[in-house]
Amino acid sequence: MTTILINDIVPILVIMLLGYICGKFTFFDDDQRQGLNKLVLNIALPAALFISIVKATCKMFA
């Protein structure tokens, strides 16, 4: 259980925190934000979900 927390959830939380900080201090303009939003929602998030499902074993669901 601890390895799932460290390997899967912590990196997602760190990336979310970095995104929040970048948004708070306006590191990106509107066009860049829209492009990054499309990239994350259409490519990165589905890829991360797919990789997590592939790595999952039957023991994790029991």
Protein backbone atom coordinates (compact mmCIF):
# COMPACT_ATOMS: atom_id res chain seq x y z
CA MET A 1 0.00 0.00 0.00
CA THR A 2 2.83 2.37 0.83
CA THR A 3 4.54 1.77 -2.51
CA ILE A 4 1.33 2.64 -4.35
CA LEU A 5 1.12 5.87 -2.41
CA ILE A 6 4.73 6.84 -3.03
CA ASN A 7 5.05 5.68 -6.64
CA ASP A 8 1.68 6.77 -8.01
CA ILE A 9 0.00 9.43 -5.91
CA VAL A 10 2.89 11.61 -4.72
CA PRO A 11 4.16 12.48 -8.23
CA ILE A 12 0.64 13.50 -9.26
CA LEU A 13 0.30 15.74 -6.22
CA VAL A 14 3.71 17.32 -6.88
CA ILE A 15 2.76 18.08 -10.48
CA MET A 16 -0.55 19.55 -9.35
CA LEU A 17 1.29 21.75 -6.85
CA LEU A 18 3.70 22.93 -9.55
CA GLY A 19 0.76 23.74 -11.82
CA TYR A 20 -0.92 25.71 -9.07
CA ILE A 21 2.25 27.68 -8.35
CA CYS A 22 2.78 28.43 -12.05
CA GLY A 23 -0.82 29.62 -12.33
CA LYS A 24 -0.62 31.72 -9.20
CA PHE A 25 2.49 33.58 -10.34
CA THR A 26 1.38 33.73 -14.02
CA PHE A 27 4.40 32.01 -15.56
CA PHE A 28 2.37 31.30 -18.70
CA ASP A 29 0.17 33.54 -20.82
CA ASP A 30 -3.34 32.55 -21.94
CA ASP A 31 -2.28 30.83 -25.18
CA GLN A 32 0.34 28.75 -23.40
CA ARG A 33 -2.12 27.79 -20.67
CA GLN A 34 -4.67 26.61 -23.22
CA GLY A 35 -2.04 24.57 -25.05
CA LEU A 36 -0.78 22.95 -21.86
CA ASN A 37 -4.34 22.24 -20.77
CA LYS A 38 -5.07 20.43 -24.04
CA LEU A 39 -1.80 18.52 -23.81
CA VAL A 40 -2.49 17.32 -20.29
CA LEU A 41 -6.15 16.45 -20.77
CA ASN A 42 -5.84 14.81 -24.19
CA ILE A 43 -2.45 13.09 -24.02
CA ALA A 44 -0.69 13.02 -20.65
CA LEU A 45 -3.58 12.06 -18.37
CA PRO A 46 -4.87 9.19 -20.54
CA ALA A 47 -1.31 7.92 -20.94
CA ALA A 48 -0.71 8.01 -17.19
CA LEU A 49 -3.97 6.18 -16.53
CA PHE A 50 -3.11 3.54 -19.11
CA ILE A 51 0.34 2.97 -17.60
CA SER A 52 -1.13 2.68 -14.10
CA ILE A 53 -3.68 0.12 -15.27
CA VAL A 54 -1.04 -1.91 -17.10
CA LYS A 55 1.20 -1.96 -14.02
CA ALA A 56 -1.65 -3.00 -11.75
CA THR A 57 -1.79 -6.60 -10.65
CA CYS A 58 -4.73 -8.71 -9.53
CA LYS A 59 -3.44 -8.57 -5.94
CA MET A 60 -3.95 -4.81 -5.88
CA PHE A 61 -7.67 -5.22 -6.49
CA ALA A 62 -8.24 -7.94 -3.91
